[in-house]
Protein backbone atom coordinates (compact mmCIF):
# COMPACT_ATOMS: atom_id res chain seq x y z
CA MET A 1 89.19 -143.39 87.15
CA ILE A 2 91.43 -141.93 84.43
CA GLU A 3 91.94 -145.38 82.92
CA ALA A 4 88.21 -146.10 83.08
CA LEU A 5 87.48 -142.83 81.26
CA ALA A 6 90.01 -143.82 78.58
CA TRP A 7 88.18 -147.08 77.86
CA ILE A 8 84.78 -145.36 77.95
CA GLY A 9 86.04 -142.73 75.52
CA LEU A 10 87.50 -145.32 73.14
CA VAL A 11 84.31 -147.37 72.94
CA ALA A 12 82.11 -144.30 72.60
CA PHE A 13 84.24 -142.80 69.83
CA ALA A 14 84.50 -146.17 68.07
CA ILE A 15 80.69 -146.43 68.07
CA SER A 16 80.39 -142.89 66.71
CA GLY A 17 82.92 -143.76 64.00
CA ALA A 18 81.07 -146.92 63.06
CA THR A 19 77.80 -145.00 63.01
CA ALA A 20 79.28 -142.49 60.58
CA ALA A 21 80.61 -145.40 58.51
CA ALA A 22 77.09 -146.84 58.35
CA GLN A 23 75.74 -143.52 57.13
CA ALA A 24 78.44 -143.49 54.44
CA ARG A 25 77.66 -147.13 53.52
CA LEU A 26 81.24 -148.36 53.98
CA ASP A 27 82.27 -152.02 54.06
CA VAL A 28 83.48 -153.91 57.13
CA VAL A 29 87.07 -152.70 56.67
CA GLY A 30 85.79 -149.15 56.47
CA PHE A 31 83.82 -149.62 59.70
CA ALA A 32 86.91 -150.88 61.53
CA LEU A 33 89.20 -148.20 60.07
CA VAL A 34 86.89 -145.28 60.85
CA ALA A 35 86.31 -146.63 64.37
CA VAL A 36 90.08 -146.80 64.99
CA VAL A 37 90.77 -143.37 63.50
CA THR A 38 87.99 -141.80 65.57
CA GLY A 39 89.28 -143.44 68.74
CA PHE A 40 92.95 -142.58 68.29
CA GLY A 41 93.13 -139.58 65.95
CA GLY A 42 93.15 -136.95 68.67
CA GLY A 43 95.46 -138.86 71.00
CA THR A 44 97.97 -139.47 68.21
CA LEU A 45 98.17 -135.77 67.38
CA ARG A 46 98.50 -134.92 71.07
CA ASP A 47 101.38 -137.33 71.58
CA LEU A 48 103.19 -136.07 68.47
CA VAL A 49 102.84 -132.43 69.57
CA LEU A 50 103.99 -133.19 73.11
CA GLY A 51 106.86 -135.39 71.93
CA VAL A 52 105.54 -138.50 73.66
CA ARG A 53 107.31 -141.57 72.23
CA PRO A 54 106.02 -144.04 71.39
CA VAL A 55 102.51 -142.76 70.77
CA ASN A 56 99.80 -144.30 72.93
CA TRP A 57 98.48 -146.94 70.52
CA VAL A 58 101.97 -148.28 69.78
CA GLU A 59 102.67 -148.86 73.46
CA HIS A 60 99.14 -150.07 74.26
CA PRO A 61 97.75 -151.79 71.14
CA ALA A 62 94.82 -153.34 73.03
CA GLY A 63 92.87 -150.14 72.40
CA LEU A 64 93.33 -150.54 68.65
CA TRP A 65 91.82 -154.01 68.77
CA LEU A 66 88.95 -152.78 70.93
CA CYS A 67 88.09 -150.00 68.46
CA ALA A 68 88.40 -152.30 65.45
CA LEU A 69 86.28 -154.98 67.12
CA THR A 70 83.66 -152.39 68.04
CA GLY A 71 83.53 -151.29 64.41
CA ILE A 72 83.12 -154.87 63.20
CA VAL A 73 80.36 -155.59 65.72
CA CYS A 74 78.55 -152.44 64.60
CA PHE A 75 78.89 -153.60 61.00
CA ILE A 76 77.26 -156.93 61.88
CA PHE A 77 74.34 -155.04 63.45
CA GLU A 78 74.33 -152.36 60.74
CA ARG A 79 70.65 -152.79 59.90
CA GLY A 80 69.71 -152.33 63.52
CA LEU A 81 71.82 -149.20 63.71
CA GLN A 82 70.10 -147.77 60.68
CA HIS A 83 66.67 -148.48 62.11
CA ARG A 84 67.50 -146.57 65.29
CA ARG A 85 68.05 -143.23 63.61
CA LEU A 86 71.78 -142.87 63.08
CA ASN A 87 71.55 -139.10 63.12
CA GLN A 88 70.57 -139.29 66.80
CA LEU A 89 72.96 -142.06 67.86
CA LEU A 90 76.13 -140.46 66.47
CA PRO A 91 76.11 -137.17 68.44
CA TRP A 92 75.28 -138.91 71.73
CA ALA A 93 78.07 -141.48 71.39
CA ASP A 94 80.37 -138.69 70.30
CA ALA A 95 79.38 -136.57 73.31
CA LEU A 96 80.36 -139.37 75.69
CA GLY A 97 83.74 -139.76 74.03
CA LEU A 98 84.29 -136.01 73.93
CA GLY A 99 83.71 -135.62 77.66
CA ALA A 100 86.05 -138.49 78.50
CA PHE A 101 88.86 -137.58 76.12
CA ALA A 102 88.88 -133.90 77.10
CA VAL A 103 89.92 -135.01 80.59
CA ILE A 104 92.25 -137.78 79.39
CA GLY A 105 94.14 -135.52 77.00
CA THR A 106 94.53 -132.82 79.63
CA GLU A 107 95.78 -135.27 82.24
CA ILE A 108 98.38 -136.76 79.89
CA ALA A 109 99.62 -133.29 78.93
CA LEU A 110 99.93 -132.26 82.58
CA ARG A 111 101.83 -135.47 83.27
CA THR A 112 104.42 -134.56 80.61
CA GLY A 113 105.07 -131.22 82.31
CA ALA A 114 102.98 -128.98 80.05
CA GLY A 115 101.41 -125.90 81.63
CA PRO A 116 97.68 -125.57 82.31
CA PHE A 117 96.86 -123.64 79.12
CA ILE A 118 98.71 -126.03 76.80
CA SER A 119 97.24 -128.99 78.67
CA ILE A 120 93.72 -127.66 78.10
CA LEU A 121 94.48 -127.22 74.39
CA MET A 122 95.75 -130.80 74.26
CA GLY A 123 92.56 -131.94 75.98
CA VAL A 124 90.45 -130.17 73.37
CA ALA A 125 92.58 -131.63 70.55
CA THR A 126 92.30 -135.15 71.99
CA ALA A 127 88.52 -134.79 72.20
CA THR A 128 87.89 -133.29 68.76
CA ILE A 129 90.51 -134.34 66.19
CA GLY A 130 89.34 -137.96 66.00
CA GLY A 131 85.80 -136.80 65.22
CA LEU A 132 87.12 -134.38 62.62
CA ALA A 133 89.04 -137.19 60.90
CA ARG A 134 85.95 -139.43 61.08
CA ASP A 135 83.77 -136.85 59.36
CA VAL A 136 86.35 -136.17 56.65
CA LEU A 137 86.72 -139.89 55.92
CA CYS A 138 82.93 -140.23 55.70
CA ASN A 139 82.56 -137.15 53.49
CA GLN A 140 80.67 -135.10 56.06
CA VAL A 141 81.13 -131.53 57.26
CA PRO A 142 83.23 -131.98 60.45
CA MET A 143 81.11 -131.55 63.57
CA VAL A 144 83.79 -129.32 65.10
CA LEU A 145 83.34 -126.85 62.22
CA ARG A 146 79.56 -126.64 62.48
CA LYS A 147 77.72 -124.10 64.59
CA GLU A 148 77.04 -126.71 67.28
CA ILE A 149 78.62 -126.33 70.73
CA TYR A 150 81.36 -128.93 70.38
CA ALA A 151 84.94 -127.76 70.94
CA LEU A 152 83.58 -125.39 73.59
CA ALA A 153 82.20 -128.36 75.54
CA ALA A 154 85.60 -130.08 75.38
CA ALA A 155 87.27 -126.87 76.56
CA LEU A 156 84.86 -126.63 79.49
CA GLY A 157 85.58 -130.21 80.55
CA ALA A 158 89.35 -129.76 80.26
CA THR A 159 89.32 -126.41 82.07
CA THR A 160 87.11 -127.72 84.86
CA PHE A 161 89.50 -130.64 85.39
CA VAL A 162 92.50 -128.29 85.64
CA VAL A 163 90.70 -125.89 88.00
CA MET A 164 89.62 -128.75 90.28
CA LEU A 165 93.22 -129.94 90.48
CA GLU A 166 94.45 -126.41 91.20
CA VAL A 167 92.12 -126.06 94.17
CA GLY A 168 93.41 -129.32 95.64
CA MET A 169 90.71 -131.74 94.53
CA PRO A 170 91.84 -135.39 94.31
CA GLN A 171 92.55 -136.39 90.71
CA GLU A 172 89.78 -138.98 90.50
CA VAL A 173 87.18 -136.51 91.76
CA ALA A 174 88.50 -133.78 89.45
CA ALA A 175 88.31 -136.20 86.52
CA ILE A 176 84.68 -137.06 87.25
CA ILE A 177 83.71 -133.40 87.59
CA GLY A 178 85.56 -132.42 84.41
CA PHE A 179 84.00 -135.29 82.47
CA ALA A 180 80.54 -134.39 83.77
CA ALA A 181 80.99 -130.70 82.88
CA GLY A 182 82.02 -131.38 79.28
CA LEU A 183 79.40 -134.07 78.76
CA THR A 184 76.62 -131.97 80.30
CA LEU A 185 77.27 -128.96 78.07
CA ARG A 186 77.47 -131.11 74.95
CA ALA A 187 74.35 -133.06 75.94
CA ALA A 188 72.46 -129.82 76.60
CA ALA A 189 73.53 -128.53 73.20
CA ILE A 190 72.21 -131.69 71.53
CA ALA A 191 68.96 -131.89 73.49
CA LEU A 192 68.13 -128.19 73.38
CA ARG A 193 69.71 -127.54 69.97
CA LEU A 194 71.97 -124.86 71.36
CA SER A 195 74.48 -123.43 68.90
CA LEU A 196 77.04 -120.68 68.47
CA PRO A 197 76.32 -117.71 66.20
CA THR A 198 77.54 -118.03 62.62
CA ALA A 199 78.55 -115.49 60.02
CA ARG A 200 75.72 -114.08 57.94
CA ALA A 201 75.77 -114.71 54.22
CA ARG A 202 76.16 -111.57 52.10
């Protein structure tokens, strides 16, 4: 289940990266690059912080090719993407990747011997840093810095996964519940336009 979530997260984040690239009117190389950065940005930072060597994409390059190919395919169907309201497609694809990577990042951190709190932080980083890099590359305000419920959804998914493991739940079941928790909160935030309070301008 963990491996399946990893592939789901990669494809979802690659699509969200390609969608942002379409909004920014990048060329085919830009589509592929942003798709790869979105898919692996958070995981790369996680591995560097945890001292995992080599980082994930060096040891398993198939994911790089999958993200790049996804970006290229999205470029080929760019007109179709534009006609389907990119502003709606991006957050939903991103939500799917966020839910998956919150669990993946937490599981990898736990596997390296990190404690629950650090593992949750690594899950949040894995789920959000790729999207942050995507938005910066495409000259957008990073979604994680907006008032939307974003990092909080990743934290909920990661925390739920850890709690389920602590109470003796099998890892596959815990992964599904954690993924569902993070995805549900993010989806509710998108559908119902829920947001966190922001500072008032003076």
